[in-house]
N, C-alpha and C. Protein backbone atom coordinates (compact mmCIF):
# COMPACT_ATOMS: atom_id res chain seq x y z
N UNK A 1 87.92 109.63 114.40
CA UNK A 1 88.78 108.66 113.46
C UNK A 1 88.44 108.39 112.18
N UNK A 2 89.71 108.04 111.42
CA UNK A 2 89.99 108.30 109.92
C UNK A 2 89.49 106.43 109.61
N UNK A 3 88.79 106.13 109.04
CA UNK A 3 88.29 104.41 108.56
C UNK A 3 89.70 104.16 107.59
N UNK A 4 90.37 103.34 107.68
CA UNK A 4 91.30 102.58 106.76
C UNK A 4 90.44 102.33 105.95
N UNK A 5 90.81 102.71 104.56
CA UNK A 5 90.16 102.46 102.78
C UNK A 5 90.70 101.45 102.45
N UNK A 6 92.02 101.39 102.38
CA UNK A 6 92.35 100.38 101.50
C UNK A 6 94.22 100.16 101.53
N UNK A 7 95.01 99.07 101.06
CA UNK A 7 96.36 99.14 101.38
C UNK A 7 96.83 99.24 99.66
N UNK A 8 97.94 100.58 99.65
CA UNK A 8 98.07 100.71 98.49
C UNK A 8 99.87 100.40 98.24
N UNK A 9 100.38 100.06 97.36
CA UNK A 9 101.96 100.07 97.71
C UNK A 9 102.77 101.07 98.13
N UNK A 10 102.24 102.03 98.19
CA UNK A 10 102.69 103.54 98.87
C UNK A 10 102.42 103.41 100.47
N UNK A 11 101.57 102.49 101.15
CA UNK A 11 101.04 102.19 102.21
C UNK A 11 99.55 102.70 102.27
N UNK A 12 98.98 102.50 103.31
CA UNK A 12 97.75 102.62 103.68
C UNK A 12 97.19 103.87 103.18
N UNK A 13 95.72 103.75 102.80
CA UNK A 13 94.68 105.62 102.56
C UNK A 13 93.97 105.53 103.49
N UNK A 14 93.56 106.48 103.97
CA UNK A 14 92.37 106.56 105.26
C UNK A 14 91.05 107.54 104.55
N UNK A 15 89.96 107.26 104.75
CA UNK A 15 89.15 108.03 104.50
C UNK A 15 88.71 109.34 105.42
N UNK A 16 88.40 110.53 104.93
CA UNK A 16 88.45 111.33 106.10
C UNK A 16 87.57 112.46 105.17
N UNK A 17 86.91 113.50 106.19
CA UNK A 17 86.33 114.42 105.72
C UNK A 17 86.46 115.79 106.17
N UNK A 18 87.94 116.18 105.81
CA UNK A 18 88.38 117.33 106.80
C UNK A 18 88.43 118.79 105.66
N UNK A 19 88.29 119.32 106.62
CA UNK A 19 88.53 121.08 105.67
C UNK A 19 89.81 121.07 105.50
N UNK A 20 90.56 121.56 104.73
CA UNK A 20 91.87 122.54 104.75
C UNK A 20 91.78 123.73 103.85
N UNK A 21 92.91 124.33 104.16
CA UNK A 21 92.93 126.00 103.37
C UNK A 21 94.00 125.55 102.79
N UNK A 22 93.96 125.86 101.24
CA UNK A 22 94.89 126.02 100.28
C UNK A 22 95.44 127.35 100.46
N UNK A 23 97.37 127.04 99.96
CA UNK A 23 97.55 128.86 99.67
C UNK A 23 98.28 128.66 98.51
N UNK A 24 98.38 129.11 97.45
CA UNK A 24 99.29 128.79 96.06
C UNK A 24 100.85 129.32 96.95
N UNK A 25 101.87 128.61 96.32
CA UNK A 25 103.51 128.37 96.61
C UNK A 25 104.18 129.44 95.81
N UNK A 26 104.94 129.70 96.17
CA UNK A 26 106.18 129.88 94.84
C UNK A 26 106.78 128.30 94.72
N UNK A 27 107.04 127.23 95.64
CA UNK A 27 107.47 125.90 95.73
C UNK A 27 108.93 125.89 96.03
N UNK A 28 109.71 126.76 95.60
CA UNK A 28 111.31 126.79 95.86
C UNK A 28 111.19 126.51 97.39
N UNK A 29 110.91 127.89 98.43
CA UNK A 29 111.02 127.48 100.21
C UNK A 29 109.77 127.21 100.75
N UNK A 30 108.75 127.24 99.69
CA UNK A 30 107.40 127.15 100.12
C UNK A 30 106.75 128.42 100.50
N UNK A 31 107.14 129.86 100.23
CA UNK A 31 106.86 130.96 100.03
C UNK A 31 105.57 130.86 99.92
N UNK A 32 104.04 132.00 100.71
CA UNK A 32 103.11 132.19 100.05
C UNK A 32 103.46 133.40 99.24
N UNK A 33 102.32 133.00 97.95
CA UNK A 33 102.45 134.35 97.03
C UNK A 33 101.27 134.98 97.06
N UNK A 34 100.23 134.44 97.90
CA UNK A 34 99.08 135.13 98.00
C UNK A 34 98.74 135.01 99.44
N UNK A 35 98.20 135.57 100.28
CA UNK A 35 98.23 135.79 101.33
C UNK A 35 96.64 135.33 101.92
N UNK A 36 95.65 134.73 100.76
CA UNK A 36 94.18 134.38 100.93
C UNK A 36 94.16 133.19 100.69
N UNK A 37 93.48 131.94 101.60
CA UNK A 37 93.80 130.65 101.29
C UNK A 37 92.46 130.26 100.43
N UNK A 38 92.49 129.28 99.91
CA UNK A 38 90.99 128.97 99.50
C UNK A 38 90.81 127.54 100.04
N UNK A 39 89.63 127.42 100.70
CA UNK A 39 88.76 125.83 101.04
C UNK A 39 88.71 125.22 100.53
N UNK A 40 89.27 123.79 100.70
CA UNK A 40 89.00 122.28 100.00
C UNK A 40 88.52 121.58 101.11
N UNK A 41 88.28 120.13 100.61
CA UNK A 41 87.74 118.98 101.47
C UNK A 41 88.69 117.62 101.19
N UNK A 42 89.49 117.26 102.12
CA UNK A 42 90.60 116.08 102.13
C UNK A 42 89.21 114.99 102.25
N UNK A 43 89.49 114.17 101.58
CA UNK A 43 88.75 112.74 100.86
C UNK A 43 89.37 111.62 101.55
N UNK A 44 90.45 111.27 101.22
CA UNK A 44 91.32 110.67 101.63
C UNK A 44 92.85 111.11 101.83
N UNK A 45 93.84 110.10 102.66
CA UNK A 45 94.82 110.68 102.99
C UNK A 45 95.82 109.59 103.13
N UNK A 46 97.21 109.73 102.78
CA UNK A 46 98.04 108.62 103.51
C UNK A 46 99.34 109.25 103.43
N UNK A 47 100.29 108.26 104.24
CA UNK A 47 101.23 109.18 104.39
C UNK A 47 102.06 109.68 102.95
N UNK A 48 102.02 109.46 101.91
CA UNK A 48 102.57 110.10 101.29
C UNK A 48 101.41 111.56 100.33
N UNK A 49 100.63 111.39 100.31
CA UNK A 49 99.64 112.56 99.67
C UNK A 49 98.02 112.30 100.23
N UNK A 50 97.52 113.11 99.72
CA UNK A 50 96.09 113.20 99.70
C UNK A 50 95.15 113.41 98.59
N UNK A 51 93.85 113.20 98.77
CA UNK A 51 92.88 113.05 97.28
C UNK A 51 92.05 114.74 97.83
N UNK A 52 92.09 115.43 97.85
CA UNK A 52 91.47 117.06 97.78
C UNK A 52 90.38 117.79 96.79
N UNK A 53 89.41 117.57 97.54
CA UNK A 53 87.78 118.51 96.41
C UNK A 53 88.08 119.67 96.64
N UNK A 54 87.96 120.81 95.55
CA UNK A 54 87.65 121.79 95.26
C UNK A 54 86.54 122.53 94.44
N UNK A 55 86.16 123.54 94.90
CA UNK A 55 85.25 124.33 93.68
C UNK A 55 86.19 125.08 92.52
N UNK A 56 87.35 124.83 92.80
CA UNK A 56 88.43 125.77 91.91
C UNK A 56 89.47 124.77 91.17
N UNK A 57 90.16 125.08 89.75
CA UNK A 57 90.63 124.35 89.53
C UNK A 57 92.02 124.43 90.16
N UNK A 58 92.81 123.45 90.37
CA UNK A 58 94.13 123.26 90.59
C UNK A 58 94.98 122.73 89.58
N UNK A 59 96.28 123.54 88.86
CA UNK A 59 96.94 122.77 87.91
C UNK A 59 97.81 122.13 88.19
N UNK A 60 98.14 121.43 87.00
CA UNK A 60 99.50 119.55 87.36
C UNK A 60 100.40 120.63 87.58
N UNK A 61 101.10 119.96 88.69
CA UNK A 61 102.82 120.47 89.42
C UNK A 61 102.75 121.63 90.30
N UNK A 62 101.90 122.17 90.11
CA UNK A 62 101.13 123.38 91.28
C UNK A 62 101.53 123.01 92.76
N UNK A 63 102.42 123.80 93.19
CA UNK A 63 102.93 123.64 94.42
C UNK A 63 101.89 124.43 95.57
N UNK A 64 100.94 123.51 96.29
CA UNK A 64 100.68 124.62 97.66
C UNK A 64 100.77 123.74 98.91
N UNK A 65 100.49 125.50 99.62
CA UNK A 65 100.63 124.97 101.26
C UNK A 65 99.49 124.70 101.43
N UNK A 66 99.36 123.26 102.31
CA UNK A 66 97.90 123.04 102.74
C UNK A 66 98.08 123.14 104.21
N UNK A 67 96.84 123.64 104.89
CA UNK A 67 97.09 123.80 106.38
C UNK A 67 95.92 122.81 106.68
N UNK A 68 96.30 121.99 107.94
CA UNK A 68 95.39 120.53 108.20
C UNK A 68 95.07 121.13 109.81
N UNK A 69 93.86 121.27 109.63
CA UNK A 69 93.16 122.05 111.13
C UNK A 69 93.43 120.53 112.17
N UNK A 70 93.94 120.43 113.40
CA UNK A 70 94.04 119.37 114.04
C UNK A 70 93.24 119.73 115.41
N UNK A 71 92.24 119.25 115.90
CA UNK A 71 91.70 119.31 117.20
C UNK A 71 92.36 118.30 118.12
N UNK A 72 92.68 118.80 119.60
CA UNK A 72 93.71 117.77 120.32
C UNK A 72 92.10 117.04 121.33
N UNK A 73 92.11 115.64 121.45
CA UNK A 73 91.30 115.25 121.92
C UNK A 73 91.30 115.21 123.13
N UNK A 74 92.04 116.14 124.14
CA UNK A 74 91.79 116.38 125.72
C UNK A 74 91.75 117.50 125.92
N UNK A 75 91.52 118.34 124.64
CA UNK A 75 91.08 120.25 125.20
C UNK A 75 90.43 120.56 123.58
N UNK A 76 90.58 122.08 123.82
CA UNK A 76 89.61 123.11 122.83
C UNK A 76 90.59 123.20 121.75
N UNK A 77 91.74 122.83 122.17
CA UNK A 77 93.25 123.62 121.17
C UNK A 77 92.97 123.07 119.83
N UNK A 78 93.26 123.62 119.24
CA UNK A 78 93.01 123.40 117.37
C UNK A 78 94.74 123.86 117.19
N UNK A 79 95.38 123.24 116.74
CA UNK A 79 96.50 123.18 116.00
C UNK A 79 96.33 123.23 114.21
N UNK A 80 96.99 124.24 113.53
CA UNK A 80 96.62 124.03 112.12
C UNK A 80 98.53 124.05 111.49
N UNK A 81 98.82 122.59 111.61
CA UNK A 81 100.03 122.65 110.57
C UNK A 81 100.08 122.90 109.21
N UNK A 82 100.80 123.51 108.28
CA UNK A 82 101.12 123.34 106.99
C UNK A 82 102.06 122.57 106.72
N UNK A 83 101.83 121.93 104.94
CA UNK A 83 102.86 121.25 104.86
C UNK A 83 102.53 121.73 103.18
N UNK A 84 103.73 121.13 102.28
CA UNK A 84 103.74 121.46 100.90
C UNK A 84 103.41 120.30 100.34
N UNK A 85 102.34 120.30 98.95
CA UNK A 85 102.26 119.52 98.23
C UNK A 85 102.31 119.91 97.16
N UNK A 86 102.33 118.61 96.12
CA UNK A 86 102.05 119.02 94.53
C UNK A 86 100.88 118.29 93.74
N UNK A 87 100.42 119.26 92.97
CA UNK A 87 99.27 118.69 92.39
C UNK A 87 99.65 117.45 91.44
N UNK A 88 99.41 115.93 91.54
CA UNK A 88 99.80 115.11 90.86
C UNK A 88 98.57 114.84 89.17
N UNK A 89 97.99 115.05 89.74
CA UNK A 89 96.69 114.69 88.92
C UNK A 89 95.54 115.56 89.17
N UNK A 90 94.67 115.57 88.59
CA UNK A 90 93.09 116.32 88.32
C UNK A 90 92.26 116.47 87.42
N UNK A 91 91.15 116.34 87.76
CA UNK A 91 89.88 116.45 86.74
C UNK A 91 88.79 116.83 87.20
N UNK A 92 87.43 117.38 86.35
CA UNK A 92 86.46 118.02 87.00
C UNK A 92 85.39 116.82 87.04
N UNK A 93 84.82 116.72 88.13
CA UNK A 93 83.78 115.70 88.38
C UNK A 93 82.55 116.06 87.92
N UNK A 94 81.72 115.00 87.72
CA UNK A 94 80.29 115.54 87.08
C UNK A 94 79.43 116.44 87.80
N UNK A 95 79.77 116.53 88.88
CA UNK A 95 78.98 117.78 89.67
C UNK A 95 79.70 118.70 89.88
N UNK A 96 80.57 118.99 88.88
CA UNK A 96 81.52 120.09 88.73
C UNK A 96 82.03 120.59 89.77
N UNK A 97 83.01 119.74 90.65
CA UNK A 97 83.92 119.81 91.75
C UNK A 97 85.02 119.46 90.77
N UNK A 98 86.25 120.02 91.54
CA UNK A 98 87.44 119.61 91.12
C UNK A 98 88.32 118.43 92.23
N UNK A 99 88.64 117.56 91.25
CA UNK A 99 89.40 116.52 92.17
C UNK A 99 90.73 116.29 91.93
N UNK A 100 91.25 116.18 92.37
CA UNK A 100 93.14 116.35 92.46
C UNK A 100 93.91 115.50 93.46
N UNK A 101 94.52 114.95 92.88
CA UNK A 101 95.80 114.37 93.75
C UNK A 101 96.82 115.15 94.35
N UNK A 102 97.32 114.95 95.78
CA UNK A 102 98.34 115.74 96.14
C UNK A 102 99.21 114.67 96.82
N UNK A 103 100.59 115.09 96.18
CA UNK A 103 101.44 114.46 96.74
C UNK A 103 102.77 115.26 98.05
N UNK A 104 102.80 115.18 99.05
CA UNK A 104 103.43 115.72 99.81
C UNK A 104 104.76 115.81 99.53
N UNK A 105 105.58 116.91 100.16
CA UNK A 105 106.53 117.25 99.63
C UNK A 105 107.45 117.22 100.84
N UNK A 106 107.12 117.44 101.99
CA UNK A 106 107.68 117.15 103.18
C UNK A 106 106.58 117.32 103.81
């Protein structure tokens, strides 16, 4: 279970450590422009977005399709819903990882 980290004007943020897969998207209707996804780690999430750590750069305003694996608490079933997200901010951390803020588009 994710721990509640802080309350912001946009809602609660929760600390997580969740592996996700990012697929570049055209942005218009969310069509993937490459079939191969790249891995990232979501460090915190809210109803409006997430902070993601990657070993590759993301571009400002880039639209991604992000796949979130969710495991059922009552079975071994894993669902992987996808959502579109726009990169709102990004920087290279001192340990040479890219930290980016994503805004969920829906």
